[in-house]
C-alpha atoms as a PDB file:
ATOM      1  CA  MET A   1      87.699 200.752 162.353  1.00  0.00           C
ATOM      2  CA  LEU A   2      91.134 199.643 163.484  1.00  0.00           C
ATOM      3  CA  VAL A   3      92.628 201.457 166.446  1.00  0.00           C
ATOM      4  CA  PRO A   4      95.765 201.045 168.528  1.00  0.00           C
ATOM      5  CA  LYS A   5      95.141 199.193 171.768  1.00  0.00           C
ATOM      6  CA  SER A   6      96.422 202.266 173.617  1.00  0.00           C
ATOM      7  CA  ALA A   7      93.522 204.302 172.197  1.00  0.00           C
ATOM      8  CA  ILE A   8      90.856 202.101 173.769  1.00  0.00           C
ATOM      9  CA  GLY A   9      89.432 204.013 176.701  1.00  0.00           C
ATOM     10  CA  ALA A  10      90.922 207.302 175.525  1.00  0.00           C
ATOM     11  CA  SER A  11      88.732 210.366 175.774  1.00  0.00           C
ATOM     12  CA  LYS A  12      86.232 210.960 172.986  1.00  0.00           C
ATOM     13  CA  SER A  13      88.080 214.104 172.020  1.00  0.00           C
ATOM     14  CA  SER A  14      91.225 212.086 171.276  1.00  0.00           C
ATOM     15  CA  ALA A  15      91.894 211.548 167.595  1.00  0.00           C
ATOM     16  CA  VAL A  16      92.167 207.922 166.569  1.00  0.00           C
ATOM     17  CA  LEU A  17      95.073 206.790 164.391  1.00  0.00           C
ATOM     18  CA  THR A  18      96.968 210.038 164.625  1.00  0.00           C
ATOM     19  CA  ASN A  19     100.689 210.243 164.039  1.00  0.00           C
ATOM     20  CA  PRO A  20     101.861 209.166 167.519  1.00  0.00           C
ATOM     21  CA  TRP A  21     100.159 205.775 167.076  1.00  0.00           C
ATOM     22  CA  ALA A  22     100.888 205.253 163.397  1.00  0.00           C
ATOM     23  CA  PRO A  23     102.990 202.158 162.736  1.00  0.00           C
ATOM     24  CA  PRO A  24     106.379 202.727 161.094  1.00  0.00           C
ATOM     25  CA  GLY A  25     106.121 202.652 157.323  1.00  0.00           C
ATOM     26  CA  SER A  26     102.460 203.626 157.193  1.00  0.00           C
ATOM     27  CA  THR A  27     101.261 206.446 154.963  1.00  0.00           C
ATOM     28  CA  ARG A  28     100.061 209.567 156.758  1.00  0.00           C
ATOM     29  CA  VAL A  29      97.396 211.795 155.239  1.00  0.00           C
ATOM     30  CA  SER A  30      95.976 214.718 157.210  1.00  0.00           C
ATOM     31  CA  GLY A  31      96.895 213.130 160.537  1.00  0.00           C
ATOM     32  CA  LEU A  32      95.519 209.684 159.655  1.00  0.00           C
ATOM     33  CA  ALA A  33      97.614 206.578 159.158  1.00  0.00           C
ATOM     34  CA  LEU A  34      96.622 204.645 156.056  1.00  0.00           C
ATOM     35  CA  LEU A  35      97.573 201.037 156.601  1.00  0.00           C
ATOM     36  CA  HIS A  36      98.167 198.477 153.906  1.00  0.00           C
ATOM     37  CA  PRO A  37      99.372 194.889 154.097  1.00  0.00           C
ATOM     38  CA  ASP A  38     103.086 194.314 153.700  1.00  0.00           C
ATOM     39  CA  LYS A  39     104.531 191.279 151.888  1.00  0.00           C
ATOM     40  CA  HIS A  40     103.781 189.130 154.939  1.00  0.00           C
ATOM     41  CA  GLY A  41     100.267 190.503 155.375  1.00  0.00           C
ATOM     42  CA  TYR A  42      98.892 189.533 151.976  1.00  0.00           C
ATOM     43  CA  PRO A  43      99.190 185.744 152.546  1.00  0.00           C
ATOM     44  CA  ALA A  44      97.246 186.178 155.803  1.00  0.00           C
ATOM     45  CA  VAL A  45      94.161 187.339 153.879  1.00  0.00           C
ATOM     46  CA  PRO A  46      93.339 184.033 152.117  1.00  0.00           C
ATOM     47  CA  HIS A  47      94.282 182.185 155.304  1.00  0.00           C
ATOM     48  CA  ALA A  48      91.750 184.243 157.276  1.00  0.00           C
ATOM     49  CA  ARG A  49      89.112 183.653 154.582  1.00  0.00           C
ATOM     50  CA  GLN A  50      89.623 179.889 154.458  1.00  0.00           C
ATOM     51  CA  HIS A  51      90.365 179.036 158.071  1.00  0.00           C
ATOM     52  CA  LEU A  52      88.352 181.683 159.925  1.00  0.00           C
ATOM     53  CA  GLY A  53      85.415 181.996 157.528  1.00  0.00           C
ATOM     54  CA  LEU A  54      85.728 185.742 156.962  1.00  0.00           C
ATOM     55  CA  ASP A  55      84.721 187.484 153.755  1.00  0.00           C
ATOM     56  CA  PHE A  56      87.387 189.386 151.817  1.00  0.00           C
ATOM     57  CA  ASP A  57      87.108 192.823 153.445  1.00  0.00           C
ATOM     58  CA  ASP A  58      86.880 191.338 156.956  1.00  0.00           C
ATOM     59  CA  ALA A  59      89.885 189.113 156.200  1.00  0.00           C
ATOM     60  CA  CYS A  60      91.883 192.185 155.102  1.00  0.00           C
ATOM     61  CA  GLN A  61      90.974 194.037 158.291  1.00  0.00           C
ATOM     62  CA  PHE A  62      91.791 190.955 160.367  1.00  0.00           C
ATOM     63  CA  ALA A  63      95.239 190.666 158.730  1.00  0.00           C
ATOM     64  CA  LEU A  64      95.988 194.360 159.306  1.00  0.00           C
ATOM     65  CA  ALA A  65      94.892 194.190 162.939  1.00  0.00           C
ATOM     66  CA  GLU A  66      96.924 191.051 163.540  1.00  0.00           C
ATOM     67  CA  SER A  67     100.128 192.266 161.873  1.00  0.00           C
ATOM     68  CA  ASN A  68     100.006 195.739 163.482  1.00  0.00           C
ATOM     69  CA  GLY A  69      98.742 194.790 166.948  1.00  0.00           C
ATOM     70  CA  LEU A  70      95.566 196.846 166.503  1.00  0.00           C
ATOM     71  CA  THR A  71      92.105 196.486 168.008  1.00  0.00           C
ATOM     72  CA  ARG A  72      89.163 196.022 165.619  1.00  0.00           C
ATOM     73  CA  VAL A  73      86.272 198.234 166.757  1.00  0.00           C
ATOM     74  CA  THR A  74      83.106 196.990 165.101  1.00  0.00           C
ATOM     75  CA  GLN A  75      79.439 196.109 165.143  1.00  0.00           C
ATOM     76  CA  ASP A  76      80.104 193.234 162.736  1.00  0.00           C
ATOM     77  CA  SER A  77      79.178 189.927 164.369  1.00  0.00           C
ATOM     78  CA  ASP A  78      81.551 188.060 162.029  1.00  0.00           C
ATOM     79  CA  PHE A  79      84.375 189.163 164.308  1.00  0.00           C
ATOM     80  CA  GLU A  80      82.892 187.130 167.183  1.00  0.00           C
ATOM     81  CA  ARG A  81      84.656 184.088 165.736  1.00  0.00           C
ATOM     82  CA  VAL A  82      88.099 185.746 165.721  1.00  0.00           C
ATOM     83  CA  LYS A  83      88.059 187.598 169.035  1.00  0.00           C
ATOM     84  CA  ARG A  84      90.526 185.045 170.437  1.00  0.00           C
ATOM     85  CA  GLU A  85      92.918 185.703 167.559  1.00  0.00           C
ATOM     86  CA  ILE A  86      92.931 189.524 167.616  1.00  0.00           C
ATOM     87  CA  SER A  87      91.714 192.219 169.978  1.00  0.00           C
ATOM     88  CA  VAL A  88      88.082 193.072 169.117  1.00  0.00           C
ATOM     89  CA  ARG A  89      85.862 195.650 170.768  1.00  0.00           C
ATOM     90  CA  PHE A  90      82.164 195.519 169.947  1.00  0.00           C
ATOM     91  CA  ILE A  91      80.147 198.737 170.039  1.00  0.00           C
END
């Protein structure tokens, strides 16, 4: 899950990725922001795979978090190696 840094520590009843936090240009469906890489985000995916050792889906999530200033909330230990590059919160 990718969440805005401002949502970390918010109450459990707060919706995550609702319209107030949605980055400009994102697609909104039923109050959720659907993020996708822009033309600068796609080149970051192979870079994250090669240089950070992430698999494809983790590299995509890394690139989205990095380009949108989001926090990656995860149980995936692969993100241990990138926690200095992006904000990561382990649950």
